[in-house]
Amino acid sequence: MQRYILSRLIQSVFILFGVLFIVFFMLQMTGDPVSLLISRHSSPEEVEAMREELGFNRPVPAQFASFIGNALTGDFGKSLRHKQPAMDLILDRLPATVELATTALLISLILGIPLGLISGSNPGSFWDVLSRGTGLLGQTIPNFWLALILILVFSVHLGWFPTFGRSTWTFLGMTLPTRSVILPAFSLALFTMGQLVRFTRSAVMEIRSEDFVRTAYSKGIADRKVYFRHILRNAAIPLISIVGVQFGYLLSGSIYIETIFSWPGLGNLLAESIGNRDFALVQAIAFFSSFVVVTLNLLTDIAYAVADPRIRY
């Protein structure tokens, strides 16, 4: 087990270094951010002075070495647009993104897993057709298009939900979400829900055909006991990896949804920083998002190995 965890940890470190490398050089190819920060009427001397102040006049390898050295200490510099430390801005926006991703994951679990269980237990039935159709729609409908339709129907015409922004309320010292999170969370959750329906259905149907399940039925064990003791327990193993990976996707892949709903999270901040060529902030957000995804994948691998001893060997 220790060797397994160590190998996954080493892989994670190399992935994070690769992310830093790719993000840095891709941003270098987008152009000079000084042109967006300084007046068009500035003289060449003023432009060069600002480039020197920000360190963009140095050779690219020297900038990369400095960037890596600072990143190892958690210092990604100051935002060129906001004039604040990049990590401070990320930590300010993080709670909104976590709230949105957690709500989306709960919606996916509450809707996706029961539909998959019903579908896998009754293949060919009406519920199976309904569940498969739901899973197919979930994985084919673009979430940004769905977000616009939901706003048009439930916000503009019905007035049930706000069209944009985030609101919270405090209960016993805890900050809790309000209905403003429902539409963006559902838009974000649909793809994950579709995957959960498909994988749960496939897992249940595969396990139902295993020898140990047929043996349990032949011994006269009640259907309910076979279903809960054998089918559900074994079907939960592959779902561990799906849930862990998808939660990382929900945390880092919400840029379109947050932009459409003006949700004050990391996705919205990333869209703004890309438009402003805010190198420090883009690099910090990309690394932080990658770190969260890699960490969740690592924890998922460990949990999967604990649940299924065959993985460890």
Protein backbone atom coordinates (compact mmCIF):
# COMPACT_ATOMS: atom_id res chain seq x y z
CA MET A 1 0.00 0.00 0.00
CA GLN A 2 2.81 2.43 0.84
CA ARG A 3 4.50 1.75 -2.48
CA TYR A 4 1.23 2.34 -4.31
CA ILE A 5 0.68 5.69 -2.56
CA LEU A 6 4.30 6.75 -3.15
CA SER A 7 4.08 6.03 -6.88
CA ARG A 8 0.86 8.03 -7.17
CA LEU A 9 2.41 10.88 -5.19
CA ILE A 10 5.44 11.04 -7.50
CA GLN A 11 3.17 11.07 -10.55
CA SER A 12 1.19 13.94 -9.04
CA VAL A 13 4.33 16.02 -8.52
CA PHE A 14 5.39 15.57 -12.15
CA ILE A 15 1.89 16.50 -13.34
CA LEU A 16 1.91 19.72 -11.33
CA PHE A 17 5.33 20.67 -12.69
CA GLY A 18 4.06 20.01 -16.22
CA VAL A 19 1.09 22.27 -15.56
CA LEU A 20 3.38 25.09 -14.44
CA PHE A 21 5.51 24.64 -17.56
CA ILE A 22 2.57 24.64 -19.98
CA VAL A 23 0.73 27.55 -18.35
CA PHE A 24 3.80 29.77 -18.25
CA PHE A 25 4.80 29.33 -21.90
CA MET A 26 1.25 29.42 -23.25
CA LEU A 27 0.70 32.76 -21.53
CA GLN A 28 3.95 34.07 -22.97
CA MET A 29 2.55 33.47 -26.46
CA THR A 30 -0.61 35.54 -25.85
CA GLY A 31 1.17 38.88 -26.11
CA ASP A 32 2.55 41.62 -23.95
CA PRO A 33 0.22 42.56 -21.03
CA VAL A 34 1.89 45.97 -20.73
CA SER A 35 -0.06 47.11 -23.80
CA LEU A 36 -3.28 46.67 -21.81
CA LEU A 37 -1.99 48.34 -18.66
CA ILE A 38 -0.55 51.52 -20.09
CA SER A 39 -2.10 54.33 -22.05
CA ARG A 40 -1.95 54.22 -25.84
CA HIS A 41 -0.43 57.68 -25.79
CA SER A 42 2.53 56.59 -23.64
CA SER A 43 5.99 57.05 -25.04
CA PRO A 44 8.22 54.06 -25.87
CA GLU A 45 10.38 54.98 -22.89
CA GLU A 46 7.38 54.75 -20.54
CA VAL A 47 6.37 51.38 -22.01
CA GLU A 48 9.90 50.03 -21.59
CA ALA A 49 10.08 51.36 -18.04
CA MET A 50 6.90 49.51 -17.09
CA ARG A 51 8.12 46.31 -18.74
CA GLU A 52 11.30 46.57 -16.71
CA GLU A 53 9.33 47.24 -13.52
CA LEU A 54 7.19 44.14 -14.08
CA GLY A 55 10.14 42.00 -15.14
CA PHE A 56 8.92 41.32 -18.69
CA ASN A 57 12.11 42.65 -20.26
CA ARG A 58 14.16 39.72 -18.97
CA PRO A 59 14.83 36.63 -21.11
CA VAL A 60 12.02 34.06 -21.03
CA PRO A 61 14.17 31.31 -19.39
CA ALA A 62 15.08 33.73 -16.59
CA GLN A 63 11.42 34.60 -16.09
CA PHE A 64 10.51 30.90 -15.98
CA ALA A 65 13.23 30.10 -13.43
CA SER A 66 12.04 32.95 -11.24
CA PHE A 67 8.43 31.83 -11.65
CA ILE A 68 9.20 28.24 -10.62
CA GLY A 69 11.25 29.36 -7.64
CA ASN A 70 8.47 31.61 -6.37
CA ALA A 71 5.77 29.01 -7.09
CA LEU A 72 7.54 26.47 -4.90
CA THR A 73 7.08 28.86 -1.99
CA GLY A 74 3.45 29.60 -2.87
CA ASP A 75 4.22 33.09 -4.19
CA PHE A 76 2.64 33.80 -7.57
CA GLY A 77 3.16 37.53 -7.41
CA LYS A 78 0.61 40.32 -7.54
CA SER A 79 -2.27 40.62 -9.93
CA LEU A 80 -1.45 43.14 -12.65
CA ARG A 81 -5.04 44.35 -12.71
CA HIS A 82 -6.11 44.19 -9.05
CA LYS A 83 -2.74 45.10 -7.51
CA GLN A 84 -3.23 42.40 -4.85
CA PRO A 85 -1.45 39.09 -4.18
CA ALA A 86 -2.82 36.50 -6.59
CA MET A 87 -3.34 33.81 -3.94
CA ASP A 88 -5.32 36.23 -1.75
CA LEU A 89 -7.74 36.83 -4.62
CA ILE A 90 -8.08 33.09 -5.16
CA LEU A 91 -8.83 32.40 -1.50
CA ASP A 92 -11.45 35.18 -1.51
CA ARG A 93 -13.27 33.60 -4.46
CA LEU A 94 -12.78 29.97 -3.41
CA PRO A 95 -15.82 29.64 -1.07
CA ALA A 96 -18.23 30.58 -3.87
CA THR A 97 -16.75 27.96 -6.21
CA VAL A 98 -16.77 25.28 -3.50
CA GLU A 99 -20.41 26.08 -2.74
CA LEU A 100 -21.38 25.80 -6.40
CA ALA A 101 -19.40 22.58 -7.00
CA THR A 102 -20.67 20.91 -3.82
CA THR A 103 -24.29 21.73 -4.63
CA ALA A 104 -23.83 20.45 -8.18
CA LEU A 105 -22.28 17.21 -6.90
CA LEU A 106 -25.16 16.65 -4.46
CA ILE A 107 -27.69 17.17 -7.26
CA SER A 108 -25.79 14.69 -9.43
CA LEU A 109 -25.66 12.07 -6.68
CA ILE A 110 -29.29 12.47 -5.63
CA LEU A 111 -30.59 12.17 -9.21
CA GLY A 112 -27.95 10.10 -11.01
CA ILE A 113 -27.32 7.14 -8.72
CA PRO A 114 -30.98 6.22 -8.03
CA LEU A 115 -31.78 6.44 -11.75
CA GLY A 116 -28.80 4.21 -12.54
CA LEU A 117 -29.78 1.68 -9.88
CA ILE A 118 -33.37 1.49 -11.10
CA SER A 119 -32.26 1.22 -14.71
CA GLY A 120 -29.67 -1.49 -14.05
CA SER A 121 -32.10 -3.53 -11.94
CA ASN A 122 -34.91 -3.40 -14.53
CA PRO A 123 -33.29 -3.52 -18.01
CA GLY A 124 -35.74 -2.96 -20.84
CA SER A 125 -38.40 -1.41 -18.63
CA PHE A 126 -39.92 2.06 -18.87
CA TRP A 127 -37.61 3.26 -16.08
CA ASP A 128 -34.61 1.90 -17.95
CA VAL A 129 -35.54 3.83 -21.09
CA LEU A 130 -36.17 6.98 -19.03
CA SER A 131 -32.85 6.65 -17.19
CA ARG A 132 -30.84 5.99 -20.33
CA GLY A 133 -32.47 8.96 -22.03
CA THR A 134 -31.65 11.16 -19.06
CA GLY A 135 -28.04 10.00 -19.07
CA LEU A 136 -27.75 10.60 -22.82
CA LEU A 137 -29.19 14.11 -22.55
CA GLY A 138 -26.92 14.88 -19.63
CA GLN A 139 -23.82 14.11 -21.65
CA THR A 140 -24.88 15.73 -24.91
CA ILE A 141 -26.52 19.03 -23.89
CA PRO A 142 -23.90 21.81 -23.56
CA ASN A 143 -24.10 23.23 -20.04
CA PHE A 144 -23.77 26.85 -21.21
CA TRP A 145 -26.77 26.39 -23.55
CA LEU A 146 -28.76 24.78 -20.74
CA ALA A 147 -27.84 27.67 -18.44
CA LEU A 148 -29.30 30.20 -20.90
CA ILE A 149 -32.50 28.17 -21.30
CA LEU A 150 -32.91 27.87 -17.53
CA ILE A 151 -32.45 31.61 -17.10
CA LEU A 152 -35.02 32.31 -19.83
CA VAL A 153 -37.64 29.94 -18.40
CA PHE A 154 -37.21 30.02 -14.61
CA SER A 155 -35.82 33.53 -14.13
CA VAL A 156 -37.22 35.71 -16.91
CA HIS A 157 -40.65 34.14 -17.48
CA LEU A 158 -41.47 32.49 -14.15
CA GLY A 159 -39.37 34.67 -11.84
CA TRP A 160 -38.58 31.78 -9.47
CA PHE A 161 -34.82 32.30 -9.32
CA PRO A 162 -32.46 35.29 -9.68
CA THR A 163 -30.77 35.67 -13.04
CA PHE A 164 -27.29 36.34 -11.70
CA GLY A 165 -25.18 36.84 -8.60
CA ARG A 166 -24.73 34.95 -5.34
CA SER A 167 -26.63 35.49 -2.13
CA THR A 168 -26.25 33.74 1.24
CA TRP A 169 -27.89 33.72 4.64
CA THR A 170 -26.46 33.08 8.08
CA PHE A 171 -27.85 30.43 10.42
CA LEU A 172 -26.23 29.66 13.78
CA GLY A 173 -23.03 31.28 12.63
CA MET A 174 -22.91 29.26 9.38
CA THR A 175 -23.08 30.84 5.93
CA LEU A 176 -25.60 28.86 3.88
CA PRO A 177 -26.55 29.17 0.19
CA THR A 178 -29.90 30.41 -1.03
CA ARG A 179 -31.92 29.68 -4.16
CA SER A 180 -29.45 31.71 -6.23
CA VAL A 181 -27.24 28.60 -6.43
CA ILE A 182 -29.92 26.28 -7.85
CA LEU A 183 -29.79 27.22 -11.55
CA PRO A 184 -25.98 27.39 -11.93
CA ALA A 185 -25.57 24.20 -9.88
CA PHE A 186 -28.09 22.28 -11.97
CA SER A 187 -26.49 23.51 -15.20
CA LEU A 188 -23.12 22.33 -13.94
CA ALA A 189 -24.47 19.05 -12.55
CA LEU A 190 -26.20 17.72 -15.67
CA PHE A 191 -23.08 16.25 -17.30
CA THR A 192 -21.95 14.56 -14.08
CA MET A 193 -25.44 13.22 -13.50
CA GLY A 194 -25.44 11.67 -16.98
CA GLN A 195 -22.14 9.93 -16.29
CA LEU A 196 -23.36 8.61 -12.94
CA VAL A 197 -26.51 7.20 -14.54
CA ARG A 198 -24.52 5.37 -17.21
CA PHE A 199 -21.79 4.02 -14.94
CA THR A 200 -24.21 2.97 -12.19
CA ARG A 201 -26.42 1.16 -14.68
CA SER A 202 -23.44 -0.63 -16.26
CA ALA A 203 -22.01 -1.60 -12.86
CA VAL A 204 -25.31 -3.01 -11.60
CA MET A 205 -25.95 -4.99 -14.78
CA GLU A 206 -22.41 -6.39 -14.78
CA ILE A 207 -22.55 -7.43 -11.11
CA ARG A 208 -25.99 -9.01 -11.50
CA SER A 209 -24.49 -11.46 -13.98
CA GLU A 210 -21.61 -12.50 -11.71
CA ASP A 211 -21.39 -16.04 -10.34
CA PHE A 212 -21.52 -15.02 -6.69
CA VAL A 213 -24.84 -13.22 -7.25
CA ARG A 214 -26.34 -16.24 -8.98
CA THR A 215 -25.05 -18.42 -6.15
CA ALA A 216 -26.70 -16.16 -3.58
CA TYR A 217 -30.01 -16.40 -5.42
CA SER A 218 -29.68 -20.21 -5.70
CA LYS A 219 -29.28 -20.44 -1.92
CA GLY A 220 -32.70 -18.88 -1.50
CA ILE A 221 -31.47 -15.57 -0.07
CA ALA A 222 -34.11 -12.85 -0.29
CA ASP A 223 -33.84 -10.50 -3.26
CA ARG A 224 -33.51 -7.47 -1.02
CA LYS A 225 -30.57 -8.95 0.89
CA VAL A 226 -28.80 -9.96 -2.32
CA TYR A 227 -29.34 -6.50 -3.75
CA PHE A 228 -27.99 -4.59 -0.75
CA ARG A 229 -25.25 -7.00 0.42
CA HIS A 230 -23.80 -8.01 -2.92
CA ILE A 231 -24.92 -5.80 -5.78
CA LEU A 232 -24.90 -2.36 -4.17
CA ARG A 233 -21.67 -2.87 -2.24
CA ASN A 234 -19.78 -3.96 -5.35
CA ALA A 235 -21.37 -1.33 -7.58
CA ALA A 236 -20.17 1.39 -5.21
CA ILE A 237 -16.49 0.59 -5.89
CA PRO A 238 -16.24 2.00 -9.45
CA LEU A 239 -18.43 4.96 -8.44
CA ILE A 240 -15.72 6.11 -6.02
CA SER A 241 -13.42 7.04 -8.90
CA ILE A 242 -16.23 8.69 -10.88
CA VAL A 243 -17.35 10.87 -7.97
CA GLY A 244 -13.79 11.92 -7.06
CA VAL A 245 -12.81 12.82 -10.61
CA GLN A 246 -16.08 14.61 -11.31
CA PHE A 247 -15.85 16.71 -8.16
CA GLY A 248 -12.47 17.95 -9.37
CA TYR A 249 -14.05 18.76 -12.73
CA LEU A 250 -16.89 20.65 -11.03
CA LEU A 251 -14.41 22.71 -9.02
CA SER A 252 -12.17 23.61 -11.96
CA GLY A 253 -14.49 23.47 -14.97
CA SER A 254 -17.16 25.99 -14.04
CA ILE A 255 -15.77 28.96 -15.97
CA TYR A 256 -18.69 29.18 -18.44
CA ILE A 257 -21.38 28.72 -15.83
CA GLU A 258 -19.86 31.25 -13.43
CA THR A 259 -19.49 33.77 -16.25
CA ILE A 260 -23.09 33.36 -17.45
CA PHE A 261 -24.54 33.67 -13.94
CA SER A 262 -21.99 36.29 -12.78
CA TRP A 263 -21.11 33.88 -9.99
CA PRO A 264 -18.20 35.39 -7.99
CA GLY A 265 -16.01 32.29 -8.07
CA LEU A 266 -12.68 31.17 -9.51
CA GLY A 267 -14.12 30.51 -12.97
CA ASN A 268 -15.37 34.06 -13.32
CA LEU A 269 -12.08 35.41 -11.97
CA LEU A 270 -10.16 33.29 -14.50
CA ALA A 271 -12.23 34.60 -17.40
CA GLU A 272 -11.54 38.18 -16.33
CA SER A 273 -7.83 37.59 -15.85
CA ILE A 274 -7.46 35.93 -19.26
CA GLY A 275 -9.14 38.88 -20.94
CA ASN A 276 -6.82 41.26 -19.11
CA ARG A 277 -3.69 39.15 -19.75
CA ASP A 278 -3.13 39.12 -16.03
CA PHE A 279 -0.26 36.65 -16.12
CA ALA A 280 0.25 36.28 -12.38
CA LEU A 281 -3.42 35.67 -11.67
CA VAL A 282 -3.94 33.23 -14.55
CA GLN A 283 -0.89 31.23 -13.53
CA ALA A 284 -2.00 31.15 -9.90
CA ILE A 285 -5.55 30.04 -10.75
CA ALA A 286 -4.33 27.40 -13.21
CA PHE A 287 -1.88 25.97 -10.69
CA PHE A 288 -4.37 26.08 -7.81
CA SER A 289 -7.08 24.37 -9.89
CA SER A 290 -4.62 21.73 -11.07
CA PHE A 291 -3.41 21.18 -7.52
CA VAL A 292 -6.99 20.62 -6.33
CA VAL A 293 -7.76 18.22 -9.19
CA VAL A 294 -4.52 16.25 -8.74
CA THR A 295 -5.05 16.06 -4.98
CA LEU A 296 -8.61 14.81 -5.41
CA ASN A 297 -7.44 12.22 -7.94
CA LEU A 298 -4.73 11.07 -5.55
CA LEU A 299 -7.24 10.73 -2.70
CA THR A 300 -9.61 8.93 -5.06
CA ASP A 301 -6.88 6.44 -6.04
CA ILE A 302 -6.14 5.78 -2.38
CA ALA A 303 -9.82 5.33 -1.52
CA TYR A 304 -10.25 3.03 -4.52
CA ALA A 305 -7.30 0.93 -3.39
CA VAL A 306 -8.72 0.70 0.12
CA ALA A 307 -12.14 -0.36 -1.19
CA ASP A 308 -10.75 -2.85 -3.73
CA PRO A 309 -7.59 -4.72 -2.56
CA ARG A 310 -6.96 -5.95 -6.11
CA ILE A 311 -5.86 -2.43 -7.11
CA ARG A 312 -2.99 -2.51 -4.60
CA TYR A 313 -1.50 -5.57 -6.22
